C-alpha atoms as a PDB file:
ATOM      1  CA  MET A   1       5.808   6.590 -20.573  1.00  0.00           C
ATOM      2  CA  ALA A   2       6.717   5.289 -17.113  1.00  0.00           C
ATOM      3  CA  ALA A   3       3.529   6.850 -15.758  1.00  0.00           C
ATOM      4  CA  VAL A   4       1.499   4.494 -17.942  1.00  0.00           C
ATOM      5  CA  PHE A   5       2.613   1.615 -15.773  1.00  0.00           C
ATOM      6  CA  ALA A   6       2.105   3.238 -12.335  1.00  0.00           C
ATOM      7  CA  MET A   7      -0.298   1.208 -10.141  1.00  0.00           C
ATOM      8  CA  SER A   8      -1.876   1.560  -6.860  1.00  0.00           C
ATOM      9  CA  ALA A   9      -4.828  -1.503  -6.500  1.00  0.00           C
ATOM     10  CA  CYS A  10      -0.982  -3.317  12.139  1.00  0.00           C
ATOM     11  CA  GLY A  11       7.384  -3.311  28.182  1.00  0.00           C
ATOM     12  CA  GLY A  12       5.476  -3.988  31.016  1.00  0.00           C
ATOM     13  CA  ASP A  13       4.849  -1.258  33.615  1.00  0.00           C
ATOM     14  CA  GLU A  14       6.322  -1.517  37.087  1.00  0.00           C
ATOM     15  CA  ALA A  15       4.207  -0.889  40.186  1.00  0.00           C
ATOM     16  CA  PRO A  16       4.796   2.638  41.598  1.00  0.00           C
ATOM     17  CA  SER A  17       6.797   2.967  44.794  1.00  0.00           C
ATOM     18  CA  ALA A  18       5.126   4.041  48.024  1.00  0.00           C
ATOM     19  CA  ALA A  19       6.818   7.449  47.778  1.00  0.00           C
ATOM     20  CA  ALA A  20       5.608   7.931  44.227  1.00  0.00           C
ATOM     21  CA  THR A  21       2.118   6.878  45.221  1.00  0.00           C
ATOM     22  CA  ALA A  22       2.031   9.317  48.091  1.00  0.00           C
ATOM     23  CA  SER A  23       3.243  12.210  45.960  1.00  0.00           C
ATOM     24  CA  THR A  24       0.691  11.597  43.220  1.00  0.00           C
ATOM     25  CA  GLU A  25      -2.417  10.892  45.282  1.00  0.00           C
ATOM     26  CA  ARG A  26      -5.388  13.089  44.375  1.00  0.00           C
ATOM     27  CA  PRO A  27      -7.908  14.505  46.822  1.00  0.00           C
ATOM     28  CA  SER A  28     -11.005  12.356  47.165  1.00  0.00           C
ATOM     29  CA  GLY A  29     -13.576  13.251  44.538  1.00  0.00           C
ATOM     30  CA  SER A  30     -11.189  14.943  42.103  1.00  0.00           C
ATOM     31  CA  ALA A  31     -11.480  13.968  38.438  1.00  0.00           C
ATOM     32  CA  SER A  32      -8.848  11.743  36.876  1.00  0.00           C
ATOM     33  CA  PRO A  33      -7.200  12.989  33.699  1.00  0.00           C
ATOM     34  CA  ALA A  34      -8.563  11.476  30.510  1.00  0.00           C
ATOM     35  CA  ALA A  35      -6.492   8.581  29.221  1.00  0.00           C
ATOM     36  CA  GLU A  36      -4.540   9.454  26.107  1.00  0.00           C
ATOM     37  CA  GLU A  37      -5.830   7.526  23.110  1.00  0.00           C
ATOM     38  CA  THR A  38      -3.167   5.482  21.378  1.00  0.00           C
ATOM     39  CA  GLY A  39      -3.062   3.673  18.094  1.00  0.00           C
ATOM     40  CA  LEU A  40      -0.953   2.979  15.029  1.00  0.00           C
ATOM     41  CA  TRP A  41       0.298   5.479  12.472  1.00  0.00           C
ATOM     42  CA  PRO A  42       0.391   4.228   8.870  1.00  0.00           C
ATOM     43  CA  ASP A  43       3.462   6.391   8.234  1.00  0.00           C
ATOM     44  CA  ASP A  44       5.470   3.933  10.356  1.00  0.00           C
ATOM     45  CA  PHE A  45       4.989   1.115   7.849  1.00  0.00           C
ATOM     46  CA  VAL A  46       5.645   2.575   4.396  1.00  0.00           C
ATOM     47  CA  LEU A  47       8.869   1.846   2.533  1.00  0.00           C
ATOM     48  CA  THR A  48      11.796   4.083   3.511  1.00  0.00           C
ATOM     49  CA  GLU A  49      15.446   4.358   2.504  1.00  0.00           C
ATOM     50  CA  GLY A  50      17.536   1.233   2.930  1.00  0.00           C
ATOM     51  CA  PRO A  51      18.935  -1.702   0.951  1.00  0.00           C
ATOM     52  CA  ALA A  52      15.625  -2.011  -0.922  1.00  0.00           C
ATOM     53  CA  THR A  53      16.012   1.506  -2.356  1.00  0.00           C
ATOM     54  CA  ALA A  54      19.779   1.514  -2.993  1.00  0.00           C
ATOM     55  CA  GLY A  55      20.613   3.595  -6.058  1.00  0.00           C
ATOM     56  CA  LEU A  56      17.183   5.232  -6.116  1.00  0.00           C
ATOM     57  CA  ARG A  57      16.076   8.725  -5.093  1.00  0.00           C
ATOM     58  CA  GLY A  58      12.977   9.235  -2.963  1.00  0.00           C
ATOM     59  CA  VAL A  59      10.596  12.103  -3.616  1.00  0.00           C
ATOM     60  CA  PRO A  60       7.149  12.889  -2.149  1.00  0.00           C
ATOM     61  CA  GLU A  61       4.144  11.702  -4.113  1.00  0.00           C
ATOM     62  CA  GLU A  62       2.358  14.495  -5.925  1.00  0.00           C
ATOM     63  CA  SER A  63      -1.362  13.736  -5.863  1.00  0.00           C
ATOM     64  CA  SER A  64      -3.454  15.280  -8.599  1.00  0.00           C
ATOM     65  CA  ASP A  65      -6.907  14.061  -7.571  1.00  0.00           C
ATOM     66  CA  ASP A  66      -9.002  13.208  -4.538  1.00  0.00           C
ATOM     67  CA  GLY A  67      -7.673   9.667  -4.312  1.00  0.00           C
ATOM     68  CA  GLU A  68     -11.019   7.994  -4.973  1.00  0.00           C
ATOM     69  CA  TYR A  69     -11.430   5.435  -7.748  1.00  0.00           C
ATOM     70  CA  PRO A  70     -15.112   4.370  -7.758  1.00  0.00           C
ATOM     71  CA  GLU A  71     -15.111   2.905 -11.273  1.00  0.00           C
ATOM     72  CA  GLU A  72     -11.998   0.821 -10.656  1.00  0.00           C
ATOM     73  CA  ASP A  73     -13.319  -0.347  -7.272  1.00  0.00           C
ATOM     74  CA  ALA A  74     -16.539  -1.474  -8.915  1.00  0.00           C
ATOM     75  CA  ARG A  75     -14.688  -3.232 -11.731  1.00  0.00           C
ATOM     76  CA  LEU A  76     -12.467  -5.138  -9.313  1.00  0.00           C
ATOM     77  CA  ALA A  77     -15.385  -6.141  -7.066  1.00  0.00           C
ATOM     78  CA  GLU A  78     -17.384  -7.394 -10.042  1.00  0.00           C
ATOM     79  CA  CYS A  79     -14.461  -9.364 -11.436  1.00  0.00           C
ATOM     80  CA  LEU A  80     -13.726 -11.006  -8.087  1.00  0.00           C
ATOM     81  CA  GLY A  81     -17.380 -11.588  -7.306  1.00  0.00           C
ATOM     82  CA  VAL A  82     -17.344  -9.760  -3.956  1.00  0.00           C
ATOM     83  CA  PRO A  83     -19.522  -6.942  -2.542  1.00  0.00           C
ATOM     84  CA  LEU A  84     -18.314  -3.481  -3.528  1.00  0.00           C
ATOM     85  CA  GLU A  85     -18.330  -2.280   0.093  1.00  0.00           C
ATOM     86  CA  ASN A  86     -15.630  -4.844   0.880  1.00  0.00           C
ATOM     87  CA  ILE A  87     -13.249  -3.073  -1.486  1.00  0.00           C
ATOM     88  CA  ASP A  88     -14.465   0.526  -1.470  1.00  0.00           C
ATOM     89  CA  TYR A  89     -14.011   1.155   2.253  1.00  0.00           C
ATOM     90  CA  GLU A  90     -12.741   3.977   4.437  1.00  0.00           C
ATOM     91  CA  PRO A  91      -9.643   3.111   6.515  1.00  0.00           C
ATOM     92  CA  GLU A  92      -9.018   4.564   9.959  1.00  0.00           C
ATOM     93  CA  ALA A  93      -5.889   6.239   8.599  1.00  0.00           C
ATOM     94  CA  SER A  94      -3.734   5.986   5.481  1.00  0.00           C
ATOM     95  CA  ALA A  95      -0.376   7.205   4.242  1.00  0.00           C
ATOM     96  CA  GLU A  96       1.742   7.178   1.108  1.00  0.00           C
ATOM     97  CA  GLY A  97       5.482   6.670   1.192  1.00  0.00           C
ATOM     98  CA  LEU A  98       8.066   8.363  -0.964  1.00  0.00           C
ATOM     99  CA  THR A  99       8.316   7.417  -4.627  1.00  0.00           C
ATOM    100  CA  PHE A 100      11.763   5.946  -5.245  1.00  0.00           C
ATOM    101  CA  THR A 101      13.045   6.138  -8.798  1.00  0.00           C
ATOM    102  CA  ASP A 102      16.281   5.986 -10.751  1.00  0.00           C
ATOM    103  CA  ALA A 103      17.743   8.799 -12.815  1.00  0.00           C
ATOM    104  CA  ASP A 104      16.258   7.470 -16.054  1.00  0.00           C
ATOM    105  CA  GLY A 105      12.769   6.766 -14.701  1.00  0.00           C
ATOM    106  CA  VAL A 106      13.080   3.093 -15.608  1.00  0.00           C
ATOM    107  CA  VAL A 107      12.357   1.908 -12.066  1.00  0.00           C
ATOM    108  CA  MET A 108       9.702   3.284  -9.714  1.00  0.00           C
ATOM    109  CA  ILE A 109       8.889   1.925  -6.252  1.00  0.00           C
ATOM    110  CA  TYR A 110       6.258   3.349  -3.926  1.00  0.00           C
ATOM    111  CA  SER A 111       4.134   2.117  -1.065  1.00  0.00           C
ATOM    112  CA  THR A 112       0.885   2.813   0.742  1.00  0.00           C
ATOM    113  CA  ALA A 113      -0.176   1.834   4.249  1.00  0.00           C
ATOM    114  CA  GLU A 114      -3.559   1.750   5.959  1.00  0.00           C
ATOM    115  CA  ILE A 115      -4.952   1.107   9.400  1.00  0.00           C
ATOM    116  CA  VAL A 116      -8.157  -0.898   8.903  1.00  0.00           C
ATOM    117  CA  THR A 117     -10.685  -2.769  11.006  1.00  0.00           C
ATOM    118  CA  SER A 118     -10.034  -6.354  12.076  1.00  0.00           C
ATOM    119  CA  GLU A 119     -12.925  -7.451   9.846  1.00  0.00           C
ATOM    120  CA  GLN A 120     -11.434  -5.713   6.814  1.00  0.00           C
ATOM    121  CA  ALA A 121      -8.016  -7.245   7.462  1.00  0.00           C
ATOM    122  CA  THR A 122      -9.554 -10.725   7.660  1.00  0.00           C
ATOM    123  CA  PHE A 123     -11.451 -10.175   4.416  1.00  0.00           C
ATOM    124  CA  ASP A 124      -8.372  -8.910   2.602  1.00  0.00           C
ATOM    125  CA  ARG A 125      -6.333 -11.898   3.715  1.00  0.00           C
ATOM    126  CA  GLU A 126      -8.980 -14.124   2.162  1.00  0.00           C
ATOM    127  CA  LEU A 127      -9.030 -11.991  -0.971  1.00  0.00           C
ATOM    128  CA  LEU A 128      -5.295 -12.454  -1.450  1.00  0.00           C
ATOM    129  CA  ALA A 129      -5.969 -16.167  -1.855  1.00  0.00           C
ATOM    130  CA  ASN A 130      -8.598 -15.575  -4.560  1.00  0.00           C
ATOM    131  CA  PRO A 131      -7.316 -17.383  -7.678  1.00  0.00           C
ATOM    132  CA  ARG A 132      -8.907 -14.742  -9.902  1.00  0.00           C
ATOM    133  CA  MET A 133      -6.845 -11.886  -8.466  1.00  0.00           C
ATOM    134  CA  PRO A 134      -4.092 -11.874 -11.149  1.00  0.00           C
ATOM    135  CA  ASP A 135      -6.606 -11.909 -14.005  1.00  0.00           C
ATOM    136  CA  CYS A 136      -8.734  -9.217 -12.365  1.00  0.00           C
ATOM    137  CA  LEU A 137      -5.746  -6.940 -11.878  1.00  0.00           C
ATOM    138  CA  GLY A 138      -4.882  -7.460 -15.525  1.00  0.00           C
ATOM    139  CA  GLU A 139      -8.426  -6.561 -16.539  1.00  0.00           C
ATOM    140  CA  MET A 140      -8.223  -3.390 -14.479  1.00  0.00           C
ATOM    141  CA  VAL A 141      -5.104  -2.325 -16.352  1.00  0.00           C
ATOM    142  CA  THR A 142      -6.655  -2.855 -19.767  1.00  0.00           C
ATOM    143  CA  GLY A 143      -9.949  -1.351 -18.558  1.00  0.00           C
ATOM    144  CA  GLN A 144      -8.300   1.988 -17.768  1.00  0.00           C
ATOM    145  CA  THR A 145      -8.057   2.986 -21.388  1.00  0.00           C
ATOM    146  CA  ASP A 146     -10.154   6.141 -21.886  1.00  0.00           C
ATOM    147  CA  GLU A 147      -7.607   8.602 -20.548  1.00  0.00           C
ATOM    148  CA  HIS A 148      -4.734   6.913 -22.356  1.00  0.00           C
ATOM    149  CA  GLU A 149      -6.616   6.774 -25.646  1.00  0.00           C
ATOM    150  CA  GLU A 150      -7.158  10.525 -25.410  1.00  0.00           C
ATOM    151  CA  GLU A 151      -3.387  10.867 -25.120  1.00  0.00           C
ATOM    152  CA  GLY A 152      -2.864   8.553 -28.085  1.00  0.00           C
ATOM    153  CA  VAL A 153      -1.566   5.685 -25.960  1.00  0.00           C
ATOM    154  CA  ASP A 154      -2.699   2.093 -26.506  1.00  0.00           C
ATOM    155  CA  LEU A 155      -2.321  -0.370 -23.611  1.00  0.00           C
ATOM    156  CA  GLU A 156      -1.983  -4.098 -24.195  1.00  0.00           C
ATOM    157  CA  LEU A 157      -1.882  -6.766 -21.506  1.00  0.00           C
ATOM    158  CA  ILE A 158       0.970  -9.229 -21.979  1.00  0.00           C
ATOM    159  CA  SER A 159       0.510 -11.375 -18.879  1.00  0.00           C
ATOM    160  CA  ALA A 160      -0.917 -11.401 -15.345  1.00  0.00           C
ATOM    161  CA  GLU A 161       0.338 -13.922 -12.813  1.00  0.00           C
ATOM    162  CA  ALA A 162       0.989 -14.709  -9.169  1.00  0.00           C
ATOM    163  CA  PRO A 163       4.690 -15.640  -8.996  1.00  0.00           C
ATOM    164  CA  GLY A 164       6.397 -16.835  -5.837  1.00  0.00           C
ATOM    165  CA  THR A 165       5.761 -14.581  -2.840  1.00  0.00           C
ATOM    166  CA  PRO A 166       8.837 -13.201  -1.058  1.00  0.00           C
ATOM    167  CA  ALA A 167       9.186 -14.279   2.581  1.00  0.00           C
ATOM    168  CA  GLY A 168       7.350 -11.867   4.862  1.00  0.00           C
ATOM    169  CA  ALA A 169       4.725 -10.802   2.308  1.00  0.00           C
ATOM    170  CA  GLN A 170       1.211 -12.234   2.047  1.00  0.00           C
ATOM    171  CA  GLY A 171       0.741 -11.783  -1.677  1.00  0.00           C
ATOM    172  CA  HIS A 172       2.648 -11.056  -4.886  1.00  0.00           C
ATOM    173  CA  TYR A 173       1.155 -10.296  -8.290  1.00  0.00           C
ATOM    174  CA  ARG A 174       2.846  -9.313 -11.531  1.00  0.00           C
ATOM    175  CA  VAL A 175       1.264  -7.643 -14.544  1.00  0.00           C
ATOM    176  CA  ALA A 176       3.241  -7.151 -17.762  1.00  0.00           C
ATOM    177  CA  MET A 177       2.056  -4.473 -20.182  1.00  0.00           C
ATOM    178  CA  ARG A 178       2.891  -3.017 -23.575  1.00  0.00           C
ATOM    179  CA  ALA A 179       2.211   0.670 -24.288  1.00  0.00           C
ATOM    180  CA  SER A 180       2.266   2.091 -27.786  1.00  0.00           C
ATOM    181  CA  GLY A 181       2.013   5.784 -28.528  1.00  0.00           C
ATOM    182  CA  PRO A 182       3.453   8.719 -30.467  1.00  0.00           C
ATOM    183  CA  GLY A 183       6.845   8.184 -28.830  1.00  0.00           C
ATOM    184  CA  GLY A 184       7.056   4.508 -29.753  1.00  0.00           C
ATOM    185  CA  THR A 185       6.395   1.234 -27.945  1.00  0.00           C
ATOM    186  CA  VAL A 186       7.618   0.248 -24.526  1.00  0.00           C
ATOM    187  CA  GLU A 187       7.044  -2.805 -22.329  1.00  0.00           C
ATOM    188  CA  GLY A 188       6.923  -2.751 -18.569  1.00  0.00           C
ATOM    189  CA  THR A 189       6.112  -4.796 -15.503  1.00  0.00           C
ATOM    190  CA  ILE A 190       4.082  -3.928 -12.420  1.00  0.00           C
ATOM    191  CA  SER A 191       4.876  -6.050  -9.366  1.00  0.00           C
ATOM    192  CA  LEU A 192       2.703  -5.695  -6.278  1.00  0.00           C
ATOM    193  CA  LEU A 193       3.607  -6.963  -2.822  1.00  0.00           C
ATOM    194  CA  PHE A 194       0.795  -7.144  -0.245  1.00  0.00           C
ATOM    195  CA  PHE A 195       1.245  -7.228   3.524  1.00  0.00           C
ATOM    196  CA  VAL A 196      -1.436  -7.717   6.200  1.00  0.00           C
ATOM    197  CA  GLU A 197      -0.436  -7.836   9.867  1.00  0.00           C
ATOM    198  CA  GLY A 198      -2.984  -7.192  12.596  1.00  0.00           C
ATOM    199  CA  GLN A 199      -4.908  -4.127  11.447  1.00  0.00           C
ATOM    200  CA  VAL A 200      -2.172  -2.785   9.202  1.00  0.00           C
ATOM    201  CA  GLU A 201      -2.145  -3.297   5.444  1.00  0.00           C
ATOM    202  CA  VAL A 202       0.705  -2.255   3.174  1.00  0.00           C
ATOM    203  CA  VAL A 203       1.116  -2.424  -0.596  1.00  0.00           C
ATOM    204  CA  ALA A 204       4.495  -1.928  -2.257  1.00  0.00           C
ATOM    205  CA  THR A 205       4.381  -1.367  -6.016  1.00  0.00           C
ATOM    206  CA  TYR A 206       7.465  -1.911  -8.151  1.00  0.00           C
ATOM    207  CA  THR A 207       7.114  -0.580 -11.697  1.00  0.00           C
ATOM    208  CA  SER A 208       9.896  -1.244 -14.182  1.00  0.00           C
ATOM    209  CA  LEU A 209      10.310  -0.683 -17.894  1.00  0.00           C
ATOM    210  CA  GLY A 210      11.862  -3.545 -19.794  1.00  0.00           C
ATOM    211  CA  GLU A 211      12.871  -6.491 -17.630  1.00  0.00           C
ATOM    212  CA  ALA A 212      10.903  -7.613 -14.576  1.00  0.00           C
ATOM    213  CA  PRO A 213      12.357  -6.622 -11.184  1.00  0.00           C
ATOM    214  CA  GLN A 214      15.020  -8.829  -9.654  1.00  0.00           C
ATOM    215  CA  SER A 215      13.785 -11.161  -6.934  1.00  0.00           C
ATOM    216  CA  GLU A 216      16.536  -9.877  -4.621  1.00  0.00           C
ATOM    217  CA  ARG A 217      15.119  -6.351  -4.680  1.00  0.00           C
ATOM    218  CA  LEU A 218      11.600  -7.610  -4.008  1.00  0.00           C
ATOM    219  CA  GLN A 219      12.869  -9.623  -1.049  1.00  0.00           C
ATOM    220  CA  GLN A 220      14.634  -6.546   0.328  1.00  0.00           C
ATOM    221  CA  ILE A 221      11.358  -4.641   0.135  1.00  0.00           C
ATOM    222  CA  ALA A 222       9.541  -7.477   1.894  1.00  0.00           C
ATOM    223  CA  ASP A 223      12.254  -7.683   4.563  1.00  0.00           C
ATOM    224  CA  GLN A 224      11.959  -4.006   5.468  1.00  0.00           C
ATOM    225  CA  ILE A 225       8.184  -3.798   5.548  1.00  0.00           C
ATOM    226  CA  SER A 226       7.615  -7.131   7.308  1.00  0.00           C
ATOM    227  CA  THR A 227      10.118  -6.142  10.016  1.00  0.00           C
ATOM    228  CA  LYS A 228       8.203  -2.921  10.635  1.00  0.00           C
ATOM    229  CA  LEU A 229       4.930  -4.828  10.799  1.00  0.00           C
ATOM    230  CA  ARG A 230       6.330  -7.273  13.357  1.00  0.00           C
ATOM    231  CA  ASN A 231       7.362  -4.376  15.587  1.00  0.00           C
ATOM    232  CA  GLN A 232       4.160  -2.355  15.768  1.00  0.00           C
ATOM    233  CA  GLN A 233       4.341   0.336  18.445  1.00  0.00           C
ATOM    234  CA  PRO A 234       1.066   2.116  19.299  1.00  0.00           C
ATOM    235  CA  ARG A 235       1.500   5.771  20.219  1.00  0.00           C
ATOM    236  CA  SER A 236      -0.664   8.795  20.770  1.00  0.00           C
ATOM    237  CA  ILE A 237      -2.919   9.394  17.786  1.00  0.00           C
ATOM    238  CA  ALA A 238      -3.438  13.045  18.668  1.00  0.00           C
ATOM    239  CA  GLY A 239      -3.073  14.880  15.394  1.00  0.00           C
ATOM    240  CA  ARG A 240      -2.986  11.723  13.286  1.00  0.00           C
ATOM    241  CA  PRO A 241      -4.549  12.593   9.928  1.00  0.00           C
ATOM    242  CA  THR A 242      -7.194  10.314   8.507  1.00  0.00           C
ATOM    243  CA  GLU A 243      -5.442  10.560   5.171  1.00  0.00           C
ATOM    244  CA  GLY A 244      -1.742  10.932   4.605  1.00  0.00           C
ATOM    245  CA  GLY A 245      -2.297  11.043   0.870  1.00  0.00           C
ATOM    246  CA  PRO A 246      -4.923   9.581  -1.459  1.00  0.00           C
ATOM    247  CA  VAL A 247      -6.953   6.831   0.149  1.00  0.00           C
ATOM    248  CA  ILE A 248      -5.848   3.700  -1.645  1.00  0.00           C
ATOM    249  CA  GLY A 249      -7.227   0.345  -0.547  1.00  0.00           C
ATOM    250  CA  ALA A 250      -4.619  -2.309   0.052  1.00  0.00           C
ATOM    251  CA  LEU A 251      -6.291  -4.344  -2.669  1.00  0.00           C
ATOM    252  CA  GLY A 252      -7.511  -1.244  -4.414  1.00  0.00           C
ATOM    253  CA  PRO A 253      -7.419   0.198  -7.893  1.00  0.00           C
ATOM    254  CA  LEU A 254      -4.716   1.037 -10.347  1.00  0.00           C
ATOM    255  CA  ARG A 255      -3.350   4.497 -10.568  1.00  0.00           C
ATOM    256  CA  SER A 256      -2.090   6.025 -13.775  1.00  0.00           C
END
């Protein structure tokens, strides 16, 4: 039943010495080596082991589809009143972190990171301030019913709100749900933390059955991710995959 509640939605150089300059001079007319292209890797910004994941075990995400959610993207764009292309976009690179969970599957925490354009980052910052965001996320949850109905599961929205945002994050939304099926009825909470720094966007999703997550744990998540975002270190992007998992927009669709 826990899967019912799973949700998805950037030192100065010293001048060379005369000896170094002399030893590295090239004959006149020789070609200079191409400069190595550098950039950011989304893998550097996802949630990793630390105080925020104490008592939880991290396992790789097992993706079962192509990571695209056109219907959910369209539903969110329509609800928020924004152009679809501003939500259904292709990032420069994306990655999914480990899924951290407890032995009973009551708690599940996972994160996604993307490298986006400056324009996209600016738009998403504005979108985080949209007062309709909590309601639209709630509508997306209740709108994803076909698959669950086939499995005999009924989803009911309890509440959708924007509680206080932990320091270091740019947005925090909470959706409470009730799922009823052959195995009984269970209530759960989906808490989403959004981060936008430079051209890097990160979403951390905390899914819990029963009580809502403790604010201390959410702050620990925000502390780790915001620290990584403040210390962005570009490096060679040779071999950097465009996708490190399903492409999930930072304000993108739910995943179930």
